[in-house]
PDB file of N, CA and C in Angstrom:
ATOM      1  N   ARG A   1       0.793  -1.217  -0.141  1.00  0.00           N
ATOM      2  CA  ARG A   1       0.072  -0.426   0.165  1.00  0.00           C
ATOM      3  C   ARG A   1       0.953   1.333   0.125  1.00  0.00           C
ATOM      4  N   MET A   2       1.721   1.012  -0.914  1.00  0.00           N
ATOM      5  CA  MET A   2       2.729   2.307  -1.189  1.00  0.00           C
ATOM      6  C   MET A   2       2.643   2.794  -2.458  1.00  0.00           C
ATOM      7  N   TRP A   3       3.242   3.519  -2.994  1.00  0.00           N
ATOM      8  CA  TRP A   3       3.604   4.213  -3.859  1.00  0.00           C
ATOM      9  C   TRP A   3       5.359   3.954  -4.485  1.00  0.00           C
ATOM     10  N   LEU A   4       4.984   2.973  -5.427  1.00  0.00           N
ATOM     11  CA  LEU A   4       6.860   2.553  -5.801  1.00  0.00           C
ATOM     12  C   LEU A   4       6.692   2.140  -7.464  1.00  0.00           C
ATOM     13  N   GLN A   5       8.122   2.202  -7.672  1.00  0.00           N
ATOM     14  CA  GLN A   5       8.204   2.191  -9.189  1.00  0.00           C
ATOM     15  C   GLN A   5       7.736   0.984  -9.486  1.00  0.00           C
ATOM     16  N   MET A   6       7.377   0.427 -11.010  1.00  0.00           N
ATOM     17  CA  MET A   6       7.553  -0.739 -11.163  1.00  0.00           C
ATOM     18  C   MET A   6       8.674  -1.465 -10.884  1.00  0.00           C
ATOM     19  N   GLY A   7       8.566  -2.633 -11.077  1.00  0.00           N
ATOM     20  CA  GLY A   7       9.516  -3.542 -10.903  1.00  0.00           C
ATOM     21  C   GLY A   7       9.478  -5.219 -10.715  1.00  0.00           C
ATOM     22  N   GLY A   8      10.261  -5.713 -10.215  1.00  0.00           N
ATOM     23  CA  GLY A   8       9.774  -7.064 -10.285  1.00  0.00           C
ATOM     24  C   GLY A   8      11.841  -7.970 -10.355  1.00  0.00           C
ATOM     25  N   HIS A   9      11.718  -9.322 -10.339  1.00  0.00           N
ATOM     26  CA  HIS A   9      12.798  -9.807 -10.625  1.00  0.00           C
ATOM     27  C   HIS A   9      13.273 -10.106 -11.896  1.00  0.00           C
ATOM     28  N   CYS A  10      14.380 -10.668 -12.306  1.00  0.00           N
ATOM     29  CA  CYS A  10      14.722 -11.585 -13.369  1.00  0.00           C
ATOM     30  C   CYS A  10      13.804 -12.947 -13.508  1.00  0.00           C
ATOM     31  N   GLU A  11      13.568 -12.819 -14.733  1.00  0.00           N
ATOM     32  CA  GLU A  11      13.641 -14.330 -14.922  1.00  0.00           C
ATOM     33  C   GLU A  11      14.233 -15.358 -16.210  1.00  0.00           C
ATOM     34  N   ARG A  12      14.370 -16.589 -16.335  1.00  0.00           N
ATOM     35  CA  ARG A  12      15.186 -17.122 -17.510  1.00  0.00           C
ATOM     36  C   ARG A  12      14.896 -16.287 -18.721  1.00  0.00           C
ATOM     37  N   GLN A  13      13.895 -16.093 -18.921  1.00  0.00           N
ATOM     38  CA  GLN A  13      13.782 -15.313 -20.283  1.00  0.00           C
ATOM     39  C   GLN A  13      14.474 -13.978 -20.499  1.00  0.00           C
ATOM     40  N   ASP A  14      14.883 -13.011 -19.085  1.00  0.00           N
ATOM     41  CA  ASP A  14      15.493 -11.933 -19.241  1.00  0.00           C
ATOM     42  C   ASP A  14      17.503 -11.906 -19.643  1.00  0.00           C
ATOM     43  N   THR A  15      17.790 -11.629 -20.409  1.00  0.00           N
ATOM     44  CA  THR A  15      19.102 -12.228 -20.929  1.00  0.00           C
ATOM     45  C   THR A  15      20.188 -10.986 -20.295  1.00  0.00           C
ATOM     46  N   THR A  16      19.483 -10.235 -20.153  1.00  0.00           N
ATOM     47  CA  THR A  16      19.599  -8.675 -19.622  1.00  0.00           C
ATOM     48  C   THR A  16      19.306  -7.828 -18.666  1.00  0.00           C
ATOM     49  N   LEU A  17      19.785  -7.328 -17.188  1.00  0.00           N
ATOM     50  CA  LEU A  17      19.002  -6.594 -16.503  1.00  0.00           C
ATOM     51  C   LEU A  17      18.219  -5.512 -17.488  1.00  0.00           C
ATOM     52  N   ALA A  18      18.051  -4.997 -18.258  1.00  0.00           N
ATOM     53  CA  ALA A  18      17.496  -4.225 -19.101  1.00  0.00           C
ATOM     54  C   ALA A  18      16.458  -4.763 -19.628  1.00  0.00           C
ATOM     55  N   ALA A  19      16.744  -5.715 -19.982  1.00  0.00           N
ATOM     56  CA  ALA A  19      14.885  -6.746 -20.163  1.00  0.00           C
ATOM     57  C   ALA A  19      14.683  -7.021 -19.775  1.00  0.00           C
ATOM     58  N   ALA A  20      15.028  -7.358 -18.592  1.00  0.00           N
ATOM     59  CA  ALA A  20      13.691  -7.973 -17.125  1.00  0.00           C
ATOM     60  C   ALA A  20      13.063  -6.457 -16.930  1.00  0.00           C
ATOM     61  N   ALA A  21      13.573  -5.179 -16.786  1.00  0.00           N
ATOM     62  CA  ALA A  21      13.257  -3.859 -16.279  1.00  0.00           C
ATOM     63  C   ALA A  21      12.222  -3.678 -17.404  1.00  0.00           C
ATOM     64  N   LEU A  22      12.399  -3.530 -18.633  1.00  0.00           N
ATOM     65  CA  LEU A  22      11.513  -3.562 -19.400  1.00  0.00           C
ATOM     66  C   LEU A  22      10.254  -4.420 -19.521  1.00  0.00           C
ATOM     67  N   ARG A  23      10.293  -5.710 -19.228  1.00  0.00           N
ATOM     68  CA  ARG A  23       9.512  -7.141 -19.008  1.00  0.00           C
ATOM     69  C   ARG A  23       8.270  -6.519 -17.985  1.00  0.00           C
ATOM     70  N   GLU A  24       9.276  -5.875 -16.634  1.00  0.00           N
ATOM     71  CA  GLU A  24       8.672  -5.812 -15.766  1.00  0.00           C
ATOM     72  C   GLU A  24       7.560  -5.132 -15.818  1.00  0.00           C
ATOM     73  N   ALA A  25       7.845  -3.614 -16.374  1.00  0.00           N
ATOM     74  CA  ALA A  25       7.203  -2.255 -16.602  1.00  0.00           C
ATOM     75  C   ALA A  25       5.810  -2.661 -16.926  1.00  0.00           C
ATOM     76  N   THR A  26       6.494  -3.389 -18.390  1.00  0.00           N
ATOM     77  CA  THR A  26       5.277  -3.611 -19.245  1.00  0.00           C
ATOM     78  C   THR A  26       4.305  -4.302 -18.605  1.00  0.00           C
ATOM     79  N   GLU A  27       4.875  -5.961 -17.910  1.00  0.00           N
ATOM     80  CA  GLU A  27       3.390  -6.558 -17.505  1.00  0.00           C
ATOM     81  C   GLU A  27       3.248  -5.541 -16.331  1.00  0.00           C
ATOM     82  N   GLU A  28       3.560  -4.585 -15.551  1.00  0.00           N
ATOM     83  CA  GLU A  28       3.073  -4.101 -14.392  1.00  0.00           C
ATOM     84  C   GLU A  28       2.171  -3.328 -14.478  1.00  0.00           C
ATOM     85  N   SER A  29       2.507  -2.504 -16.227  1.00  0.00           N
ATOM     86  CA  SER A  29       1.606  -1.341 -16.174  1.00  0.00           C
ATOM     87  C   SER A  29       0.584  -1.421 -17.426  1.00  0.00           C
ATOM     88  N   GLY A  30       0.804  -2.608 -17.540  1.00  0.00           N
ATOM     89  CA  GLY A  30      -0.387  -3.032 -19.156  1.00  0.00           C
ATOM     90  C   GLY A  30       0.151  -2.237 -20.538  1.00  0.00           C
ATOM     91  N   ILE A  31       1.267  -0.990 -20.176  1.00  0.00           N
ATOM     92  CA  ILE A  31       1.518   0.055 -21.679  1.00  0.00           C
ATOM     93  C   ILE A  31       2.288  -1.072 -22.377  1.00  0.00           C
ATOM     94  N   SER A  32       1.531  -1.093 -23.986  1.00  0.00           N
ATOM     95  CA  SER A  32       3.147  -1.935 -24.749  1.00  0.00           C
ATOM     96  C   SER A  32       3.339  -0.405 -25.023  1.00  0.00           C
ATOM     97  N   GLY A  33       4.584  -0.506 -26.028  1.00  0.00           N
ATOM     98  CA  GLY A  33       5.763   0.279 -26.515  1.00  0.00           C
ATOM     99  C   GLY A  33       6.864   0.977 -25.632  1.00  0.00           C
ATOM    100  N   LEU A  34       6.555   0.763 -24.530  1.00  0.00           N
ATOM    101  CA  LEU A  34       7.551   1.001 -23.663  1.00  0.00           C
ATOM    102  C   LEU A  34       9.143   1.212 -24.103  1.00  0.00           C
ATOM    103  N   THR A  35       9.551   1.919 -23.825  1.00  0.00           N
ATOM    104  CA  THR A  35      11.353   2.168 -23.949  1.00  0.00           C
ATOM    105  C   THR A  35      11.961   2.315 -22.823  1.00  0.00           C
ATOM    106  N   LEU A  36      13.363   2.034 -22.803  1.00  0.00           N
ATOM    107  CA  LEU A  36      14.387   2.606 -21.329  1.00  0.00           C
ATOM    108  C   LEU A  36      14.777   3.904 -22.073  1.00  0.00           C
ATOM    109  N   LEU A  37      15.116   4.777 -20.855  1.00  0.00           N
ATOM    110  CA  LEU A  37      15.751   5.509 -20.966  1.00  0.00           C
ATOM    111  C   LEU A  37      17.199   5.622 -21.758  1.00  0.00           C
ATOM    112  N   ALA A  38      18.005   5.086 -22.888  1.00  0.00           N
ATOM    113  CA  ALA A  38      19.265   5.132 -23.124  1.00  0.00           C
ATOM    114  C   ALA A  38      20.050   5.305 -21.842  1.00  0.00           C
ATOM    115  N   GLY A  39      21.147   4.850 -21.837  1.00  0.00           N
ATOM    116  CA  GLY A  39      22.385   4.914 -21.363  1.00  0.00           C
ATOM    117  C   GLY A  39      21.848   4.072 -19.974  1.00  0.00           C
ATOM    118  N   GLY A  40      21.472   3.183 -19.894  1.00  0.00           N
ATOM    119  CA  GLY A  40      21.664   1.696 -18.788  1.00  0.00           C
ATOM    120  C   GLY A  40      20.971   2.369 -17.457  1.00  0.00           C
ATOM    121  N   PRO A  41      20.910   1.925 -16.134  1.00  0.00           N
ATOM    122  CA  PRO A  41      20.273   2.064 -15.085  1.00  0.00           C
ATOM    123  C   PRO A  41      20.804   3.596 -15.086  1.00  0.00           C
ATOM    124  N   VAL A  42      19.339   4.113 -14.171  1.00  0.00           N
ATOM    125  CA  VAL A  42      19.656   5.516 -13.604  1.00  0.00           C
ATOM    126  C   VAL A  42      19.901   5.777 -12.159  1.00  0.00           C
ATOM    127  N   THR A  43      19.903   4.728 -11.724  1.00  0.00           N
ATOM    128  CA  THR A  43      20.358   4.576 -10.194  1.00  0.00           C
ATOM    129  C   THR A  43      20.337   3.330  -9.728  1.00  0.00           C
ATOM    130  N   LEU A  44      21.012   3.069  -8.693  1.00  0.00           N
ATOM    131  CA  LEU A  44      21.145   1.923  -8.053  1.00  0.00           C
ATOM    132  C   LEU A  44      20.769   1.691  -6.540  1.00  0.00           C
ATOM    133  N   ASP A  45      19.870   1.543  -5.541  1.00  0.00           N
ATOM    134  CA  ASP A  45      18.943   1.789  -4.280  1.00  0.00           C
ATOM    135  C   ASP A  45      19.251   0.284  -3.579  1.00  0.00           C
ATOM    136  N   ARG A  46      20.020   0.306  -2.517  1.00  0.00           N
ATOM    137  CA  ARG A  46      20.276  -0.941  -1.832  1.00  0.00           C
ATOM    138  C   ARG A  46      19.405  -0.500  -0.439  1.00  0.00           C
ATOM    139  N   HIS A  47      18.929  -0.931  -0.007  1.00  0.00           N
ATOM    140  CA  HIS A  47      17.733  -0.976   1.109  1.00  0.00           C
ATOM    141  C   HIS A  47      17.709  -2.503   1.967  1.00  0.00           C
ATOM    142  N   ARG A  48      17.517  -2.342   2.975  1.00  0.00           N
ATOM    143  CA  ARG A  48      17.311  -3.285   3.941  1.00  0.00           C
ATOM    144  C   ARG A  48      15.622  -4.176   3.709  1.00  0.00           C
ATOM    145  N   ILE A  49      15.869  -5.627   4.202  1.00  0.00           N
ATOM    146  CA  ILE A  49      14.588  -5.809   3.777  1.00  0.00           C
ATOM    147  C   ILE A  49      14.238  -7.263   4.717  1.00  0.00           C
ATOM    148  N   PRO A  50      13.603  -7.785   5.077  1.00  0.00           N
ATOM    149  CA  PRO A  50      12.990  -8.776   6.179  1.00  0.00           C
ATOM    150  C   PRO A  50      14.212  -9.888   5.948  1.00  0.00           C
ATOM    151  N   ALA A  51      14.747 -10.698   7.066  1.00  0.00           N
ATOM    152  CA  ALA A  51      15.946 -12.041   7.378  1.00  0.00           C
ATOM    153  C   ALA A  51      14.791 -12.793   5.793  1.00  0.00           C
ATOM    154  N   PRO A  52      15.244 -13.863   5.519  1.00  0.00           N
ATOM    155  CA  PRO A  52      16.635 -14.230   5.407  1.00  0.00           C
ATOM    156  C   PRO A  52      17.546 -13.165   4.588  1.00  0.00           C
ATOM    157  N   CYS A  53      17.325 -12.278   3.538  1.00  0.00           N
ATOM    158  CA  CYS A  53      18.228 -11.782   2.669  1.00  0.00           C
ATOM    159  C   CYS A  53      18.965 -10.489   3.334  1.00  0.00           C
ATOM    160  N   HIS A  54      17.899  -9.625   3.868  1.00  0.00           N
ATOM    161  CA  HIS A  54      18.839  -8.337   5.106  1.00  0.00           C
ATOM    162  C   HIS A  54      18.867  -7.426   3.776  1.00  0.00           C
ATOM    163  N   TRP A  55      19.358  -7.754   2.526  1.00  0.00           N
ATOM    164  CA  TRP A  55      19.697  -6.658   1.874  1.00  0.00           C
ATOM    165  C   TRP A  55      19.099  -6.400   0.496  1.00  0.00           C
ATOM    166  N   HIS A  56      18.462  -5.727  -0.237  1.00  0.00           N
ATOM    167  CA  HIS A  56      17.713  -5.839  -1.943  1.00  0.00           C
ATOM    168  C   HIS A  56      18.514  -4.756  -2.691  1.00  0.00           C
ATOM    169  N   LEU A  57      18.964  -5.382  -3.810  1.00  0.00           N
ATOM    170  CA  LEU A  57      19.515  -4.179  -4.702  1.00  0.00           C
ATOM    171  C   LEU A  57      18.353  -4.040  -5.875  1.00  0.00           C
ATOM    172  N   ASP A  58      18.301  -2.822  -6.229  1.00  0.00           N
ATOM    173  CA  ASP A  58      17.387  -2.587  -7.085  1.00  0.00           C
ATOM    174  C   ASP A  58      17.891  -1.322  -7.832  1.00  0.00           C
ATOM    175  N   VAL A  59      18.256  -2.389  -9.374  1.00  0.00           N
ATOM    176  CA  VAL A  59      18.845  -1.687 -10.385  1.00  0.00           C
ATOM    177  C   VAL A  59      18.034  -0.887 -11.150  1.00  0.00           C
ATOM    178  N   GLN A  60      17.829   0.230 -11.165  1.00  0.00           N
ATOM    179  CA  GLN A  60      16.486   1.263 -11.477  1.00  0.00           C
ATOM    180  C   GLN A  60      16.861   1.392 -12.902  1.00  0.00           C
ATOM    181  N   TYR A  61      16.382   1.935 -13.840  1.00  0.00           N
ATOM    182  CA  TYR A  61      15.779   2.369 -15.008  1.00  0.00           C
ATOM    183  C   TYR A  61      14.472   2.790 -14.976  1.00  0.00           C
ATOM    184  N   ALA A  62      15.078   4.035 -15.948  1.00  0.00           N
ATOM    185  CA  ALA A  62      13.616   4.702 -16.349  1.00  0.00           C
ATOM    186  C   ALA A  62      13.064   4.239 -17.656  1.00  0.00           C
ATOM    187  N   ALA A  63      11.693   4.599 -17.950  1.00  0.00           N
ATOM    188  CA  ALA A  63      10.931   4.303 -19.251  1.00  0.00           C
ATOM    189  C   ALA A  63      10.359   5.418 -19.531  1.00  0.00           C
ATOM    190  N   LEU A  64      10.294   5.192 -20.771  1.00  0.00           N
ATOM    191  CA  LEU A  64       9.851   6.210 -21.345  1.00  0.00           C
ATOM    192  C   LEU A  64       8.330   5.798 -22.055  1.00  0.00           C
ATOM    193  N   ALA A  65       7.196   6.180 -21.536  1.00  0.00           N
ATOM    194  CA  ALA A  65       5.620   5.561 -22.362  1.00  0.00           C
ATOM    195  C   ALA A  65       5.456   6.621 -23.971  1.00  0.00           C
ATOM    196  N   PRO A  66       5.056   5.629 -25.068  1.00  0.00           N
ATOM    197  CA  PRO A  66       4.528   6.578 -26.085  1.00  0.00           C
ATOM    198  C   PRO A  66       3.538   7.246 -25.443  1.00  0.00           C
ATOM    199  N   ALA A  67       3.264   8.682 -26.489  1.00  0.00           N
ATOM    200  CA  ALA A  67       2.307   9.486 -26.579  1.00  0.00           C
ATOM    201  C   ALA A  67       1.127   8.735 -26.635  1.00  0.00           C
ATOM    202  N   GLY A  68       0.140   9.397 -25.761  1.00  0.00           N
ATOM    203  CA  GLY A  68      -1.175   9.036 -25.146  1.00  0.00           C
ATOM    204  C   GLY A  68      -1.541   7.151 -24.323  1.00  0.00           C
ATOM    205  N   ALA A  69       0.110   7.246 -24.211  1.00  0.00           N
ATOM    206  CA  ALA A  69      -0.242   5.580 -22.916  1.00  0.00           C
ATOM    207  C   ALA A  69      -1.366   5.581 -21.843  1.00  0.00           C
ATOM    208  N   THR A  70      -2.171   4.540 -22.211  1.00  0.00           N
ATOM    209  CA  THR A  70      -3.059   4.620 -20.657  1.00  0.00           C
ATOM    210  C   THR A  70      -2.518   3.261 -20.140  1.00  0.00           C
ATOM    211  N   GLU A  71      -2.392   3.630 -18.735  1.00  0.00           N
ATOM    212  CA  GLU A  71      -1.901   2.934 -17.537  1.00  0.00           C
ATOM    213  C   GLU A  71      -2.958   1.669 -17.538  1.00  0.00           C
ATOM    214  N   GLN A  72      -2.856   0.290 -17.175  1.00  0.00           N
ATOM    215  CA  GLN A  72      -4.031  -0.907 -17.080  1.00  0.00           C
ATOM    216  C   GLN A  72      -3.326  -1.484 -15.697  1.00  0.00           C
ATOM    217  N   ILE A  73      -4.243  -1.543 -14.687  1.00  0.00           N
ATOM    218  CA  ILE A  73      -3.719  -2.520 -13.293  1.00  0.00           C
ATOM    219  C   ILE A  73      -3.850  -3.894 -14.126  1.00  0.00           C
ATOM    220  N   SER A  74      -2.683  -4.141 -13.655  1.00  0.00           N
ATOM    221  CA  SER A  74      -2.456  -5.863 -13.380  1.00  0.00           C
ATOM    222  C   SER A  74      -2.979  -6.354 -12.171  1.00  0.00           C
ATOM    223  N   ASP A  75      -2.787  -8.041 -12.342  1.00  0.00           N
ATOM    224  CA  ASP A  75      -2.602  -8.443 -10.884  1.00  0.00           C
ATOM    225  C   ASP A  75      -1.582  -8.215  -9.875  1.00  0.00           C
ATOM    226  N   GLU A  76      -0.465  -7.791 -10.423  1.00  0.00           N
ATOM    227  CA  GLU A  76       0.262  -7.558  -9.427  1.00  0.00           C
ATOM    228  C   GLU A  76       0.346  -5.924  -9.107  1.00  0.00           C
ATOM    229  N   SER A  77      -0.754  -5.226  -9.392  1.00  0.00           N
ATOM    230  CA  SER A  77      -0.699  -3.688  -8.928  1.00  0.00           C
ATOM    231  C   SER A  77      -2.079  -3.614  -8.296  1.00  0.00           C
ATOM    232  N   LEU A  78      -2.421  -3.353  -7.115  1.00  0.00           N
ATOM    233  CA  LEU A  78      -3.357  -2.735  -6.747  1.00  0.00           C
ATOM    234  C   LEU A  78      -4.154  -1.438  -7.447  1.00  0.00           C
ATOM    235  N   ASP A  79      -2.822  -0.443  -7.984  1.00  0.00           N
ATOM    236  CA  ASP A  79      -3.299   0.995  -8.463  1.00  0.00           C
ATOM    237  C   ASP A  79      -2.160   1.679  -9.300  1.00  0.00           C
ATOM    238  N   LEU A  80      -2.663   2.270 -10.239  1.00  0.00           N
ATOM    239  CA  LEU A  80      -1.819   2.954 -10.989  1.00  0.00           C
ATOM    240  C   LEU A  80      -2.064   4.388 -11.087  1.00  0.00           C
ATOM    241  N   ARG A  81      -1.218   5.214 -10.827  1.00  0.00           N
ATOM    242  CA  ARG A  81      -1.126   6.619 -11.014  1.00  0.00           C
ATOM    243  C   ARG A  81       0.132   7.061 -11.635  1.00  0.00           C
ATOM    244  N   TRP A  82      -0.351   8.279 -12.820  1.00  0.00           N
ATOM    245  CA  TRP A  82       0.986   9.445 -13.261  1.00  0.00           C
ATOM    246  C   TRP A  82       0.657  10.187 -12.025  1.00  0.00           C
ATOM    247  N   PHE A  83       1.856  11.033 -11.774  1.00  0.00           N
ATOM    248  CA  PHE A  83       2.095  11.890 -10.782  1.00  0.00           C
ATOM    249  C   PHE A  83       3.018  13.017 -11.756  1.00  0.00           C
ATOM    250  N   ALA A  84       2.773  13.922 -11.552  1.00  0.00           N
ATOM    251  CA  ALA A  84       3.624  15.426 -11.777  1.00  0.00           C
ATOM    252  C   ALA A  84       4.898  15.031 -11.020  1.00  0.00           C
ATOM    253  N   TYR A  85       6.196  15.512 -11.321  1.00  0.00           N
ATOM    254  CA  TYR A  85       7.420  15.561 -10.320  1.00  0.00           C
ATOM    255  C   TYR A  85       7.155  16.252  -9.125  1.00  0.00           C
ATOM    256  N   ASP A  86       6.641  17.179  -9.085  1.00  0.00           N
ATOM    257  CA  ASP A  86       5.901  18.100  -8.063  1.00  0.00           C
ATOM    258  C   ASP A  86       5.243  16.943  -6.895  1.00  0.00           C
ATOM    259  N   GLU A  87       4.646  16.116  -7.480  1.00  0.00           N
ATOM    260  CA  GLU A  87       3.629  15.733  -6.667  1.00  0.00           C
ATOM    261  C   GLU A  87       4.657  14.427  -6.049  1.00  0.00           C
ATOM    262  N   VAL A  88       5.577  13.991  -6.620  1.00  0.00           N
ATOM    263  CA  VAL A  88       6.481  12.980  -6.491  1.00  0.00           C
ATOM    264  C   VAL A  88       6.448  12.869  -4.701  1.00  0.00           C
ATOM    265  N   ALA A  89       7.702  13.823  -4.407  1.00  0.00           N
ATOM    266  CA  ALA A  89       7.869  13.264  -2.795  1.00  0.00           C
ATOM    267  C   ALA A  89       6.861  13.499  -1.696  1.00  0.00           C
ATOM    268  N   SER A  90       5.695  13.929  -2.036  1.00  0.00           N
ATOM    269  CA  SER A  90       4.997  14.184  -1.078  1.00  0.00           C
ATOM    270  C   SER A  90       3.518  12.842  -1.088  1.00  0.00           C
ATOM    271  N   VAL A  91       4.428  11.689  -2.030  1.00  0.00           N
ATOM    272  CA  VAL A  91       3.527  10.467  -2.206  1.00  0.00           C
ATOM    273  C   VAL A  91       4.446   9.244  -1.715  1.00  0.00           C
ATOM    274  N   ALA A  92       6.028   9.310  -2.139  1.00  0.00           N
ATOM    275  CA  ALA A  92       6.496   8.319  -2.305  1.00  0.00           C
ATOM    276  C   ALA A  92       7.987   8.257  -1.590  1.00  0.00           C
ATOM    277  N   ASP A  93       8.731   6.690  -1.463  1.00  0.00           N
ATOM    278  CA  ASP A  93       9.371   6.988  -0.722  1.00  0.00           C
ATOM    279  C   ASP A  93      10.846   7.750  -1.376  1.00  0.00           C
ATOM    280  N   THR A  94      11.765   7.647  -0.334  1.00  0.00           N
ATOM    281  CA  THR A  94      13.630   8.207  -0.593  1.00  0.00           C
ATOM    282  C   THR A  94      13.547   7.806  -2.107  1.00  0.00           C
ATOM    283  N   SER A  95      13.597   6.364  -2.490  1.00  0.00           N
ATOM    284  CA  SER A  95      14.345   5.765  -3.242  1.00  0.00           C
ATOM    285  C   SER A  95      13.936   5.941  -4.794  1.00  0.00           C
ATOM    286  N   VAL A  96      11.962   6.207  -4.372  1.00  0.00           N
ATOM    287  CA  VAL A  96      11.475   6.783  -5.494  1.00  0.00           C
ATOM    288  C   VAL A  96      11.611   7.761  -6.124  1.00  0.00           C
ATOM    289  N   VAL A  97      11.759   8.710  -5.225  1.00  0.00           N
ATOM    290  CA  VAL A  97      12.161  10.505  -5.336  1.00  0.00           C
ATOM    291  C   VAL A  97      13.385  10.330  -5.799  1.00  0.00           C
ATOM    292  N   GLN A  98      14.443   9.646  -5.174  1.00  0.00           N
ATOM    293  CA  GLN A  98      15.517   9.874  -5.882  1.00  0.00           C
ATOM    294  C   GLN A  98      15.917   9.497  -7.492  1.00  0.00           C
ATOM    295  N   LEU A  99      15.198   8.172  -7.899  1.00  0.00           N
ATOM    296  CA  LEU A  99      14.918   7.524  -8.954  1.00  0.00           C
ATOM    297  C   LEU A  99      14.118   8.746 -10.327  1.00  0.00           C
ATOM    298  N   MET A 100      13.490   9.368  -9.814  1.00  0.00           N
ATOM    299  CA  MET A 100      12.562  10.404 -10.742  1.00  0.00           C
ATOM    300  C   MET A 100      13.315  11.537 -10.736  1.00  0.00           C
ATOM    301  N   THR A 101      14.405  11.873  -9.491  1.00  0.00           N
ATOM    302  CA  THR A 101      15.183  13.113  -9.614  1.00  0.00           C
ATOM    303  C   THR A 101      16.389  12.708 -10.797  1.00  0.00           C
ATOM    304  N   ARG A 102      16.772  11.906 -10.532  1.00  0.00           N
ATOM    305  CA  ARG A 102      17.829  11.183 -11.462  1.00  0.00           C
ATOM    306  C   ARG A 102      17.537  10.632 -12.959  1.00  0.00           C
ATOM    307  N   ALA A 103      16.148  10.540 -13.194  1.00  0.00           N
ATOM    308  CA  ALA A 103      15.725   9.834 -14.547  1.00  0.00           C
ATOM    309  C   ALA A 103      15.101  11.652 -15.068  1.00  0.00           C
ATOM    310  N   ARG A 104      14.826  12.213 -14.215  1.00  0.00           N
ATOM    311  CA  ARG A 104      14.387  14.183 -15.077  1.00  0.00           C
ATOM    312  C   ARG A 104      15.679  14.667 -15.446  1.00  0.00           C
ATOM    313  N   ALA A 105      17.070  14.406 -14.771  1.00  0.00           N
ATOM    314  CA  ALA A 105      17.982  14.793 -14.803  1.00  0.00           C
ATOM    315  C   ALA A 105      18.792  14.020 -16.365  1.00  0.00           C
ATOM    316  N   ALA A 106      18.258  12.912 -16.438  1.00  0.00           N
ATOM    317  CA  ALA A 106      18.936  12.250 -17.883  1.00  0.00           C
ATOM    318  C   ALA A 106      18.402  12.644 -18.557  1.00  0.00           C
ATOM    319  N   LEU A 107      16.930  12.673 -18.617  1.00  0.00           N
ATOM    320  CA  LEU A 107      16.107  13.094 -19.758  1.00  0.00           C
ATOM    321  C   LEU A 107      16.554  14.385 -20.378  1.00  0.00           C
ATOM    322  N   GLU A 108      16.640  15.396 -19.330  1.00  0.00           N
ATOM    323  CA  GLU A 108      16.787  16.672 -19.347  1.00  0.00           C
ATOM    324  C   GLU A 108      18.186  16.387 -20.404  1.00  0.00           C
ATOM    325  N   GLN A 109      19.135  16.162 -20.262  1.00  0.00           N
ATOM    326  CA  GLN A 109      20.611  15.784 -20.595  1.00  0.00           C
ATOM    327  C   GLN A 109      20.340  15.073 -22.517  1.00  0.00           C
ATOM    328  N   ARG A 110      19.413  14.720 -22.460  1.00  0.00           N
ATOM    329  CA  ARG A 110      19.329  14.146 -23.819  1.00  0.00           C
ATOM    330  C   ARG A 110      18.448  15.162 -24.818  1.00  0.00           C
ATOM    331  N   ARG A 111      18.012  16.306 -24.296  1.00  0.00           N
ATOM    332  CA  ARG A 111      17.874  17.240 -24.955  1.00  0.00           C
ATOM    333  C   ARG A 111      18.808  18.510 -25.453  1.00  0.00           C
TER     334      ARG A 111
END
């Protein structure tokens, strides 16, 4: 019951981390035609989780949706929503805010 980035874990058919990220984003958003922001991962986030693992590493990419894209809730999500940049900090945790900030900077560098 938190607003988080889309994501998941690598599966056998994923040949790269980028392929896994794109597959997960497509599955969870219901949006076809997503592309990853060029240049590789936007950031890495290491955070504590309960035992037995204790630590979790998120390799975070930014996905670009095609114009007019409409999200569709999947079995893996309770809700989906677009947020304006200035709304993110009030609804998401630090890792999502950091991801959004770095993705926005990477997108600005492309222009």
